[in-house]
Amino acid sequence: MRVIGADGAQLGVMDLRKALELAQSQGLDLAEVSPNSNPPVCKILDFGKFKYQQKKKAKMAKKNQAVVTLKEIQFRPQTDSHDVDFKVKHIIRFLEEGNKVKASVRFRGRESAHTDLGHALIKQVIELVGQAAVVETPPKLEGKVLSLIFAPNAKAPKKPAAPAATASNAAPAKPGTGGGVGAAPEG
């Protein structure tokens, strides 16, 4: 087997007993690094320290990993246009947070005979979401549920944060109207 020293230097090809004696004389362990190569590669190292470093690398990789969750917004074929607009705002907010969104239209009873209404609703939702998302999975009817999945669009323009309206920005009341709540109308 090919042996690599604790400092990373090549010690050459030697038999197992000689490599183990060399590792024990340094107070270290002999670990097989690449068993599939010809000859196999072993390294002289502190195995406890090696395991600790591997665990640390795995933890850092997990920490840097982006977590994407799938949020679901449900519609019905008879969902009102105001409700659709309201739910689309939620979809856009979820997408801006970096989550994927599943938009589904649920059919009950005889509504499943009119899937064309669901397809029209899904097309309307796609148009309202616009450039904020990419359709990852096209609309698909599974049983009594028509659904599609939106993924955040990396190329989507970010909208600037709207300034909050304050009392100084509010329109002043017209003089002479009383301007207060519960003021009697002028006659």
N, C-alpha and C. Protein backbone atom coordinates (compact mmCIF):
# COMPACT_ATOMS: atom_id res chain seq x y z
N MET A 1 0.84 -1.18 0.00
CA MET A 1 0.00 0.00 0.00
C MET A 1 0.88 1.24 0.00
N ARG A 2 0.33 2.32 -0.59
CA ARG A 2 1.06 3.59 -0.62
C ARG A 2 0.76 4.33 0.68
N VAL A 3 1.79 4.85 1.33
CA VAL A 3 1.63 5.48 2.63
C VAL A 3 2.02 6.95 2.54
N ILE A 4 1.17 7.78 3.15
CA ILE A 4 1.42 9.22 3.23
C ILE A 4 1.65 9.54 4.69
N GLY A 5 2.69 10.32 4.97
CA GLY A 5 3.05 10.66 6.35
C GLY A 5 2.11 11.69 6.95
N ALA A 6 2.30 11.95 8.24
CA ALA A 6 1.47 12.90 8.98
C ALA A 6 1.63 14.32 8.43
N ASP A 7 2.80 14.64 7.88
CA ASP A 7 3.05 15.97 7.33
C ASP A 7 2.62 16.09 5.87
N GLY A 8 2.11 14.99 5.28
CA GLY A 8 1.64 15.01 3.90
C GLY A 8 2.68 14.53 2.90
N ALA A 9 3.85 14.12 3.38
CA ALA A 9 4.92 13.66 2.49
C ALA A 9 4.67 12.20 2.09
N GLN A 10 5.04 11.88 0.85
CA GLN A 10 4.91 10.51 0.35
C GLN A 10 6.01 9.65 1.00
N LEU A 11 5.63 8.57 1.67
CA LEU A 11 6.60 7.67 2.28
C LEU A 11 6.86 6.46 1.41
N GLY A 12 6.09 6.32 0.33
CA GLY A 12 6.32 5.25 -0.62
C GLY A 12 5.37 4.08 -0.41
N VAL A 13 5.66 2.99 -1.15
CA VAL A 13 4.83 1.79 -1.08
C VAL A 13 5.48 0.83 -0.09
N MET A 14 4.69 0.35 0.88
CA MET A 14 5.21 -0.59 1.88
C MET A 14 4.10 -1.53 2.30
N ASP A 15 4.48 -2.59 3.03
CA ASP A 15 3.47 -3.55 3.47
C ASP A 15 2.75 -3.02 4.71
N LEU A 16 1.65 -3.66 5.07
CA LEU A 16 0.77 -3.20 6.14
C LEU A 16 1.47 -3.17 7.50
N ARG A 17 2.22 -4.20 7.84
CA ARG A 17 2.88 -4.26 9.15
C ARG A 17 3.86 -3.12 9.33
N LYS A 18 4.64 -2.85 8.30
CA LYS A 18 5.64 -1.78 8.39
C LYS A 18 4.94 -0.42 8.55
N ALA A 19 3.83 -0.21 7.82
CA ALA A 19 3.08 1.04 7.91
C ALA A 19 2.47 1.21 9.30
N LEU A 20 1.92 0.13 9.87
CA LEU A 20 1.35 0.19 11.21
C LEU A 20 2.41 0.49 12.26
N GLU A 21 3.59 -0.15 12.14
CA GLU A 21 4.69 0.11 13.08
C GLU A 21 5.14 1.56 13.01
N LEU A 22 5.20 2.09 11.80
CA LEU A 22 5.61 3.49 11.60
C LEU A 22 4.60 4.45 12.26
N ALA A 23 3.30 4.15 12.09
CA ALA A 23 2.25 4.99 12.68
C ALA A 23 2.29 4.91 14.20
N GLN A 24 2.45 3.70 14.75
CA GLN A 24 2.48 3.53 16.21
C GLN A 24 3.71 4.18 16.83
N SER A 25 4.81 4.18 16.10
CA SER A 25 6.03 4.81 16.63
C SER A 25 5.85 6.33 16.75
N GLN A 26 4.99 6.90 15.94
CA GLN A 26 4.71 8.34 16.00
C GLN A 26 3.53 8.65 16.93
N GLY A 27 2.88 7.61 17.47
CA GLY A 27 1.72 7.80 18.35
C GLY A 27 0.47 8.19 17.58
N LEU A 28 0.40 7.81 16.31
CA LEU A 28 -0.74 8.16 15.46
C LEU A 28 -1.40 6.89 14.93
N ASP A 29 -2.43 7.07 14.11
CA ASP A 29 -3.18 5.96 13.53
C ASP A 29 -2.93 5.87 12.04
N LEU A 30 -3.21 4.70 11.48
CA LEU A 30 -3.11 4.49 10.04
C LEU A 30 -4.52 4.36 9.50
N ALA A 31 -4.91 5.26 8.59
CA ALA A 31 -6.27 5.25 8.03
C ALA A 31 -6.21 5.09 6.53
N GLU A 32 -7.11 4.26 5.99
CA GLU A 32 -7.18 4.05 4.55
C GLU A 32 -7.96 5.20 3.93
N VAL A 33 -7.30 5.96 3.06
CA VAL A 33 -7.91 7.15 2.47
C VAL A 33 -8.58 6.81 1.15
N SER A 34 -7.93 6.03 0.32
CA SER A 34 -8.46 5.69 -0.99
C SER A 34 -8.33 4.19 -1.22
N PRO A 35 -9.36 3.41 -0.86
CA PRO A 35 -9.26 1.96 -0.99
C PRO A 35 -9.37 1.45 -2.43
N ASN A 36 -9.94 2.23 -3.33
CA ASN A 36 -10.18 1.76 -4.70
C ASN A 36 -8.99 1.97 -5.62
N SER A 37 -8.00 2.73 -5.19
CA SER A 37 -6.85 2.96 -6.08
C SER A 37 -5.92 1.75 -6.04
N ASN A 38 -4.99 1.70 -6.98
CA ASN A 38 -4.07 0.58 -7.05
C ASN A 38 -2.65 1.09 -6.94
N PRO A 39 -1.90 0.91 -5.93
CA PRO A 39 -2.22 0.27 -4.65
C PRO A 39 -3.06 1.20 -3.78
N PRO A 40 -3.76 0.65 -2.77
CA PRO A 40 -4.57 1.49 -1.88
C PRO A 40 -3.71 2.52 -1.15
N VAL A 41 -4.33 3.68 -0.87
CA VAL A 41 -3.59 4.76 -0.22
C VAL A 41 -4.00 4.85 1.24
N CYS A 42 -3.00 4.89 2.14
CA CYS A 42 -3.23 5.04 3.57
C CYS A 42 -2.47 6.26 4.06
N LYS A 43 -2.98 6.85 5.13
CA LYS A 43 -2.36 8.06 5.65
C LYS A 43 -2.15 7.90 7.16
N ILE A 44 -1.02 8.39 7.63
CA ILE A 44 -0.73 8.38 9.06
C ILE A 44 -1.30 9.68 9.62
N LEU A 45 -2.23 9.54 10.58
CA LEU A 45 -2.89 10.72 11.14
C LEU A 45 -3.49 10.42 12.50
N ASP A 46 -3.93 11.47 13.18
CA ASP A 46 -4.65 11.32 14.45
C ASP A 46 -6.12 11.13 14.06
N PHE A 47 -6.65 9.92 14.24
CA PHE A 47 -7.98 9.60 13.74
C PHE A 47 -9.07 10.40 14.44
N GLY A 48 -8.93 10.66 15.73
CA GLY A 48 -9.92 11.46 16.46
C GLY A 48 -9.99 12.87 15.90
N LYS A 49 -8.83 13.46 15.62
CA LYS A 49 -8.78 14.81 15.05
C LYS A 49 -9.37 14.80 13.63
N PHE A 50 -9.09 13.74 12.87
CA PHE A 50 -9.60 13.60 11.51
C PHE A 50 -11.13 13.55 11.53
N LYS A 51 -11.72 12.75 12.43
CA LYS A 51 -13.18 12.65 12.52
C LYS A 51 -13.78 13.99 12.93
N TYR A 52 -13.12 14.69 13.86
CA TYR A 52 -13.60 16.00 14.30
C TYR A 52 -13.63 16.98 13.14
N GLN A 53 -12.57 17.01 12.32
CA GLN A 53 -12.51 17.92 11.18
C GLN A 53 -13.56 17.57 10.14
N GLN A 54 -13.81 16.29 9.91
CA GLN A 54 -14.85 15.87 8.95
C GLN A 54 -16.23 16.33 9.44
N LYS A 55 -16.47 16.19 10.74
CA LYS A 55 -17.74 16.60 11.33
C LYS A 55 -17.92 18.12 11.20
N LYS A 56 -16.84 18.84 11.42
CA LYS A 56 -16.85 20.30 11.33
C LYS A 56 -17.14 20.75 9.90
N LYS A 57 -16.53 20.08 8.91
CA LYS A 57 -16.77 20.40 7.50
C LYS A 57 -18.23 20.14 7.13
N ALA A 58 -18.77 19.02 7.60
CA ALA A 58 -20.16 18.68 7.30
C ALA A 58 -21.11 19.71 7.92
N LYS A 59 -20.79 20.17 9.12
CA LYS A 59 -21.63 21.16 9.80
C LYS A 59 -21.59 22.49 9.04
N MET A 60 -20.42 22.90 8.56
CA MET A 60 -20.30 24.14 7.79
C MET A 60 -21.05 24.03 6.47
N ALA A 61 -20.99 22.88 5.82
CA ALA A 61 -21.69 22.69 4.55
C ALA A 61 -23.20 22.78 4.79
N LYS A 62 -23.68 22.22 5.90
CA LYS A 62 -25.10 22.26 6.22
C LYS A 62 -25.52 23.68 6.56
N LYS A 63 -24.64 24.42 7.24
CA LYS A 63 -24.95 25.80 7.63
C LYS A 63 -25.09 26.70 6.41
N ASN A 64 -24.25 26.49 5.42
CA ASN A 64 -24.26 27.33 4.23
C ASN A 64 -25.33 26.91 3.23
N GLN A 65 -26.03 25.82 3.50
CA GLN A 65 -27.04 25.32 2.59
C GLN A 65 -28.32 26.14 2.73
N ALA A 66 -28.89 26.53 1.61
CA ALA A 66 -30.13 27.31 1.63
C ALA A 66 -31.32 26.36 1.80
N VAL A 67 -32.20 26.68 2.73
CA VAL A 67 -33.38 25.85 2.98
C VAL A 67 -34.56 26.45 2.22
N VAL A 68 -35.11 25.67 1.33
CA VAL A 68 -36.27 26.11 0.55
C VAL A 68 -37.46 25.26 0.97
N THR A 69 -38.52 25.93 1.39
CA THR A 69 -39.72 25.20 1.77
C THR A 69 -40.79 25.38 0.70
N LEU A 70 -41.73 24.48 0.70
CA LEU A 70 -42.83 24.53 -0.27
C LEU A 70 -44.07 25.00 0.47
N LYS A 71 -44.56 26.17 0.08
CA LYS A 71 -45.79 26.72 0.65
C LYS A 71 -46.93 26.39 -0.31
N GLU A 72 -48.13 26.22 0.23
CA GLU A 72 -49.27 25.90 -0.64
C GLU A 72 -50.37 26.94 -0.45
N ILE A 73 -50.89 27.43 -1.57
CA ILE A 73 -52.04 28.33 -1.59
C ILE A 73 -53.14 27.60 -2.34
N GLN A 74 -54.32 27.50 -1.69
CA GLN A 74 -55.42 26.75 -2.28
C GLN A 74 -56.50 27.69 -2.80
N PHE A 75 -57.05 27.33 -3.94
CA PHE A 75 -58.15 28.06 -4.57
C PHE A 75 -59.30 27.09 -4.78
N ARG A 76 -60.45 27.64 -5.09
CA ARG A 76 -61.62 26.88 -5.53
C ARG A 76 -62.00 27.44 -6.90
N PRO A 77 -62.73 26.70 -7.73
CA PRO A 77 -63.10 27.20 -9.05
C PRO A 77 -63.92 28.48 -8.99
N GLN A 78 -64.69 28.67 -7.93
CA GLN A 78 -65.53 29.87 -7.81
C GLN A 78 -64.86 30.97 -6.97
N THR A 79 -63.57 30.94 -6.79
CA THR A 79 -62.89 31.96 -5.99
C THR A 79 -63.07 33.32 -6.63
N ASP A 80 -63.48 34.30 -5.83
CA ASP A 80 -63.74 35.66 -6.30
C ASP A 80 -62.44 36.35 -6.72
N SER A 81 -62.54 37.32 -7.62
CA SER A 81 -61.34 37.98 -8.15
C SER A 81 -60.57 38.72 -7.05
N HIS A 82 -61.27 39.32 -6.08
CA HIS A 82 -60.57 40.00 -4.99
C HIS A 82 -59.77 38.99 -4.15
N ASP A 83 -60.37 37.83 -3.90
CA ASP A 83 -59.69 36.80 -3.13
C ASP A 83 -58.48 36.26 -3.90
N VAL A 84 -58.61 36.14 -5.22
CA VAL A 84 -57.48 35.70 -6.04
C VAL A 84 -56.35 36.71 -5.92
N ASP A 85 -56.66 38.01 -6.03
CA ASP A 85 -55.63 39.05 -5.91
C ASP A 85 -54.94 38.97 -4.55
N PHE A 86 -55.73 38.76 -3.51
CA PHE A 86 -55.20 38.69 -2.15
C PHE A 86 -54.24 37.50 -2.01
N LYS A 87 -54.64 36.36 -2.55
CA LYS A 87 -53.81 35.16 -2.45
C LYS A 87 -52.57 35.28 -3.33
N VAL A 88 -52.66 35.97 -4.45
CA VAL A 88 -51.50 36.17 -5.32
C VAL A 88 -50.46 37.03 -4.60
N LYS A 89 -50.92 38.00 -3.79
CA LYS A 89 -49.97 38.80 -3.00
C LYS A 89 -49.21 37.91 -2.03
N HIS A 90 -49.89 36.93 -1.46
CA HIS A 90 -49.21 35.98 -0.57
C HIS A 90 -48.20 35.14 -1.36
N ILE A 91 -48.58 34.71 -2.55
CA ILE A 91 -47.67 33.92 -3.38
C ILE A 91 -46.41 34.73 -3.66
N ILE A 92 -46.58 35.98 -4.05
CA ILE A 92 -45.42 36.83 -4.37
C ILE A 92 -44.56 37.04 -3.14
N ARG A 93 -45.18 37.23 -1.97
CA ARG A 93 -44.40 37.40 -0.74
C ARG A 93 -43.59 36.14 -0.43
N PHE A 94 -44.21 34.98 -0.56
CA PHE A 94 -43.49 33.72 -0.32
C PHE A 94 -42.32 33.57 -1.28
N LEU A 95 -42.53 33.93 -2.54
CA LEU A 95 -41.47 33.83 -3.54
C LEU A 95 -40.32 34.78 -3.22
N GLU A 96 -40.64 35.99 -2.75
CA GLU A 96 -39.59 36.95 -2.39
C GLU A 96 -38.78 36.46 -1.20
N GLU A 97 -39.40 35.66 -0.34
CA GLU A 97 -38.68 35.08 0.80
C GLU A 97 -37.80 33.91 0.36
N GLY A 98 -37.92 33.49 -0.90
CA GLY A 98 -37.08 32.41 -1.42
C GLY A 98 -37.72 31.04 -1.36
N ASN A 99 -39.01 30.97 -1.06
CA ASN A 99 -39.70 29.69 -0.97
C ASN A 99 -40.37 29.34 -2.30
N LYS A 100 -40.61 28.07 -2.50
CA LYS A 100 -41.40 27.62 -3.64
C LYS A 100 -42.86 27.64 -3.21
N VAL A 101 -43.76 27.81 -4.18
CA VAL A 101 -45.18 27.89 -3.87
C VAL A 101 -45.95 26.93 -4.77
N LYS A 102 -46.82 26.15 -4.14
CA LYS A 102 -47.71 25.26 -4.87
C LYS A 102 -49.09 25.90 -4.88
N ALA A 103 -49.59 26.25 -6.06
CA ALA A 103 -50.93 26.82 -6.19
C ALA A 103 -51.85 25.69 -6.65
N SER A 104 -52.91 25.42 -5.87
CA SER A 104 -53.79 24.33 -6.23
C SER A 104 -55.25 24.76 -6.23
N VAL A 105 -55.97 24.22 -7.18
CA VAL A 105 -57.40 24.46 -7.29
C VAL A 105 -58.08 23.13 -6.93
N ARG A 106 -58.88 23.15 -5.88
CA ARG A 106 -59.56 21.94 -5.40
C ARG A 106 -61.00 21.93 -5.92
N PHE A 107 -61.37 20.81 -6.51
CA PHE A 107 -62.73 20.63 -7.02
C PHE A 107 -63.49 19.74 -6.06
N ARG A 108 -64.74 20.11 -5.77
CA ARG A 108 -65.60 19.30 -4.91
C ARG A 108 -66.82 18.85 -5.70
N GLY A 109 -67.21 17.64 -5.46
CA GLY A 109 -68.44 17.12 -6.07
C GLY A 109 -68.47 17.24 -7.58
N ARG A 110 -69.51 17.89 -8.08
CA ARG A 110 -69.70 18.00 -9.53
C ARG A 110 -68.81 19.06 -10.17
N GLU A 111 -68.08 19.83 -9.35
CA GLU A 111 -67.18 20.84 -9.91
C GLU A 111 -66.10 20.19 -10.77
N SER A 112 -65.77 18.92 -10.48
CA SER A 112 -64.71 18.26 -11.24
C SER A 112 -65.09 18.05 -12.70
N ALA A 113 -66.36 18.21 -13.04
CA ALA A 113 -66.79 18.11 -14.43
C ALA A 113 -66.43 19.39 -15.19
N HIS A 114 -66.09 20.46 -14.46
CA HIS A 114 -65.77 21.75 -15.09
C HIS A 114 -64.33 22.15 -14.79
N THR A 115 -63.40 21.29 -15.19
CA THR A 115 -61.98 21.58 -14.93
C THR A 115 -61.50 22.78 -15.75
N ASP A 116 -62.26 23.14 -16.80
CA ASP A 116 -61.88 24.30 -17.61
C ASP A 116 -61.88 25.57 -16.76
N LEU A 117 -62.76 25.66 -15.76
CA LEU A 117 -62.78 26.82 -14.86
C LEU A 117 -61.48 26.86 -14.03
N GLY A 118 -61.03 25.70 -13.61
CA GLY A 118 -59.79 25.62 -12.84
C GLY A 118 -58.59 26.00 -13.68
N HIS A 119 -58.56 25.54 -14.94
CA HIS A 119 -57.46 25.89 -15.83
C HIS A 119 -57.45 27.40 -16.09
N ALA A 120 -58.62 28.00 -16.26
CA ALA A 120 -58.70 29.45 -16.48
C ALA A 120 -58.20 30.20 -15.24
N LEU A 121 -58.55 29.71 -14.07
CA LEU A 121 -58.10 30.34 -12.83
C LEU A 121 -56.59 30.24 -12.68
N ILE A 122 -56.03 29.08 -13.00
CA ILE A 122 -54.58 28.90 -12.92
C ILE A 122 -53.86 29.83 -13.90
N LYS A 123 -54.41 29.97 -15.12
CA LYS A 123 -53.80 30.90 -16.08
C LYS A 123 -53.84 32.33 -15.56
N GLN A 124 -54.94 32.70 -14.90
CA GLN A 124 -55.06 34.04 -14.32
C GLN A 124 -54.01 34.23 -13.23
N VAL A 125 -53.80 33.23 -12.39
CA VAL A 125 -52.81 33.32 -11.32
C VAL A 125 -51.41 33.46 -11.92
N ILE A 126 -51.11 32.70 -12.96
CA ILE A 126 -49.80 32.78 -13.61
C ILE A 126 -49.57 34.18 -14.15
N GLU A 127 -50.60 34.77 -14.78
CA GLU A 127 -50.46 36.13 -15.31
C GLU A 127 -50.27 37.15 -14.19
N LEU A 128 -50.99 36.98 -13.08
CA LEU A 128 -50.88 37.94 -11.97
C LEU A 128 -49.51 37.84 -11.28
N VAL A 129 -48.98 36.65 -11.16
CA VAL A 129 -47.67 36.48 -10.53
C VAL A 129 -46.60 37.08 -11.44
N GLY A 130 -46.74 36.90 -12.73
CA GLY A 130 -45.87 37.54 -13.72
C GLY A 130 -44.40 37.15 -13.60
N GLN A 131 -43.52 38.16 -13.56
CA GLN A 131 -42.08 37.95 -13.58
C GLN A 131 -41.52 37.55 -12.22
N ALA A 132 -42.33 37.55 -11.18
CA ALA A 132 -41.83 37.21 -9.84
C ALA A 132 -41.49 35.74 -9.71
N ALA A 133 -42.00 34.91 -10.63
CA ALA A 133 -41.78 33.47 -10.49
C ALA A 133 -41.61 32.80 -11.85
N VAL A 134 -41.10 31.60 -11.77
CA VAL A 134 -40.97 30.73 -12.92
C VAL A 134 -41.84 29.51 -12.62
N VAL A 135 -42.60 29.06 -13.61
CA VAL A 135 -43.44 27.88 -13.41
C VAL A 135 -42.51 26.66 -13.48
N GLU A 136 -42.28 26.06 -12.32
CA GLU A 136 -41.37 24.92 -12.24
C GLU A 136 -42.05 23.64 -12.71
N THR A 137 -43.28 23.44 -12.27
CA THR A 137 -44.07 22.28 -12.68
C THR A 137 -45.35 22.78 -13.32
N PRO A 138 -45.61 22.45 -14.57
CA PRO A 138 -46.82 22.95 -15.24
C PRO A 138 -48.09 22.43 -14.57
N PRO A 139 -49.24 23.10 -14.81
CA PRO A 139 -50.49 22.66 -14.19
C PRO A 139 -50.81 21.21 -14.54
N LYS A 140 -51.15 20.45 -13.49
CA LYS A 140 -51.42 19.03 -13.67
C LYS A 140 -52.62 18.66 -12.80
N LEU A 141 -53.57 17.92 -13.38
CA LEU A 141 -54.76 17.49 -12.66
C LEU A 141 -54.50 16.12 -12.06
N GLU A 142 -54.52 16.05 -10.72
CA GLU A 142 -54.34 14.78 -10.01
C GLU A 142 -55.57 14.55 -9.16
N GLY A 143 -56.42 13.67 -9.60
CA GLY A 143 -57.67 13.42 -8.87
C GLY A 143 -58.58 14.63 -8.99
N LYS A 144 -58.89 15.25 -7.85
CA LYS A 144 -59.75 16.43 -7.86
C LYS A 144 -58.98 17.69 -7.53
N VAL A 145 -57.65 17.66 -7.77
CA VAL A 145 -56.81 18.83 -7.48
C VAL A 145 -55.99 19.17 -8.71
N LEU A 146 -56.10 20.41 -9.16
CA LEU A 146 -55.29 20.93 -10.26
C LEU A 146 -54.21 21.79 -9.62
N SER A 147 -52.95 21.46 -9.85
CA SER A 147 -51.89 22.21 -9.16
C SER A 147 -50.69 22.46 -10.06
N LEU A 148 -49.92 23.49 -9.67
CA LEU A 148 -48.66 23.78 -10.31
C LEU A 148 -47.72 24.32 -9.24
N ILE A 149 -46.43 24.32 -9.54
CA ILE A 149 -45.44 24.80 -8.56
C ILE A 149 -44.68 25.97 -9.17
N PHE A 150 -44.62 27.08 -8.40
CA PHE A 150 -43.85 28.25 -8.77
C PHE A 150 -42.51 28.20 -8.03
N ALA A 151 -41.44 28.61 -8.72
CA ALA A 151 -40.13 28.75 -8.09
C ALA A 151 -39.74 30.22 -8.20
N PRO A 152 -38.98 30.75 -7.24
CA PRO A 152 -38.58 32.15 -7.32
C PRO A 152 -37.76 32.41 -8.58
N ASN A 153 -38.01 33.55 -9.20
CA ASN A 153 -37.26 33.94 -10.40
C ASN A 153 -36.05 34.74 -9.96
N ALA A 154 -34.86 34.22 -10.23
CA ALA A 154 -33.63 34.91 -9.82
C ALA A 154 -33.44 36.21 -10.60
N LYS A 155 -34.01 36.29 -11.79
CA LYS A 155 -33.85 37.48 -12.63
C LYS A 155 -34.93 38.53 -12.39
N ALA A 156 -35.85 38.25 -11.46
CA ALA A 156 -36.96 39.17 -11.22
C ALA A 156 -36.46 40.46 -10.60
N PRO A 157 -36.96 41.61 -11.08
CA PRO A 157 -36.54 42.87 -10.48
C PRO A 157 -37.11 43.00 -9.07
N LYS A 158 -36.26 43.39 -8.13
CA LYS A 158 -36.71 43.56 -6.75
C LYS A 158 -37.42 44.89 -6.62
N LYS A 159 -38.61 44.87 -6.01
CA LYS A 159 -39.34 46.12 -5.86
C LYS A 159 -38.81 46.85 -4.62
N PRO A 160 -38.67 48.18 -4.68
CA PRO A 160 -38.18 48.91 -3.53
C PRO A 160 -39.21 48.92 -2.41
N ALA A 161 -38.73 49.01 -1.19
CA ALA A 161 -39.64 49.03 -0.05
C ALA A 161 -40.44 50.32 -0.05
N ALA A 162 -41.74 50.21 0.09
CA ALA A 162 -42.61 51.40 0.07
C ALA A 162 -42.50 52.12 1.41
N PRO A 163 -42.35 53.46 1.40
CA PRO A 163 -42.26 54.18 2.67
C PRO A 163 -43.61 54.15 3.38
N ALA A 164 -43.56 54.02 4.68
CA ALA A 164 -44.79 53.95 5.48
C ALA A 164 -45.43 55.33 5.53
N ALA A 165 -46.76 55.35 5.43
CA ALA A 165 -47.50 56.62 5.48
C ALA A 165 -47.53 57.10 6.94
N THR A 166 -47.17 58.34 7.13
CA THR A 166 -47.17 58.91 8.48
C THR A 166 -48.26 59.96 8.57
N ALA A 167 -48.46 60.47 9.77
CA ALA A 167 -49.50 61.48 9.98
C ALA A 167 -49.18 62.76 9.21
N SER A 168 -47.90 63.07 9.04
CA SER A 168 -47.54 64.30 8.32
C SER A 168 -47.80 64.16 6.82
N ASN A 169 -47.81 62.93 6.31
CA ASN A 169 -48.06 62.71 4.89
C ASN A 169 -49.55 62.64 4.58
N ALA A 170 -50.39 62.49 5.59
CA ALA A 170 -51.83 62.35 5.38
C ALA A 170 -52.40 63.66 4.85
N ALA A 171 -53.43 63.56 4.02
CA ALA A 171 -54.05 64.76 3.45
C ALA A 171 -54.78 65.53 4.54
N PRO A 172 -54.55 66.84 4.62
CA PRO A 172 -55.24 67.62 5.67
C PRO A 172 -56.71 67.75 5.34
N ALA A 173 -57.53 67.93 6.38
CA ALA A 173 -58.97 68.09 6.20
C ALA A 173 -59.25 69.47 5.62
N LYS A 174 -60.33 69.58 4.85
CA LYS A 174 -60.69 70.87 4.26
C LYS A 174 -61.14 71.81 5.36
N PRO A 175 -60.73 73.05 5.29
CA PRO A 175 -61.13 73.99 6.34
C PRO A 175 -62.65 74.18 6.33
N GLY A 176 -63.20 74.26 7.53
CA GLY A 176 -64.62 74.53 7.67
C GLY A 176 -65.50 73.30 7.58
N THR A 177 -64.90 72.11 7.38
CA THR A 177 -65.74 70.91 7.29
C THR A 177 -65.80 70.17 8.60
N GLY A 178 -65.07 70.61 9.57
CA GLY A 178 -65.06 69.90 10.84
C GLY A 178 -64.02 68.81 10.82
N GLY A 179 -63.82 68.13 9.70
CA GLY A 179 -62.76 67.19 9.44
C GLY A 179 -62.63 66.03 10.40
N GLY A 180 -63.44 65.94 11.42
CA GLY A 180 -63.28 64.87 12.38
C GLY A 180 -64.24 63.74 12.12
N VAL A 181 -64.03 62.67 12.83
CA VAL A 181 -64.91 61.53 12.71
C VAL A 181 -66.22 61.88 13.42
N GLY A 182 -67.30 61.61 12.80
CA GLY A 182 -68.60 61.85 13.40
C GLY A 182 -69.07 63.31 13.25
N ALA A 183 -68.37 64.09 12.44
CA ALA A 183 -68.78 65.49 12.23
C ALA A 183 -70.07 65.51 11.42
N ALA A 184 -70.92 66.38 11.77
CA ALA A 184 -72.20 66.49 11.06
C ALA A 184 -71.98 67.07 9.68
N PRO A 185 -72.66 66.53 8.68
CA PRO A 185 -72.50 67.10 7.33
C PRO A 185 -73.07 68.51 7.25
N GLU A 186 -72.41 69.32 6.43
CA GLU A 186 -72.88 70.69 6.26
C GLU A 186 -74.07 70.71 5.33
N GLY A 187 -74.97 71.60 5.60
CA GLY A 187 -76.17 71.51 4.84
C GLY A 187 -76.51 72.66 4.09
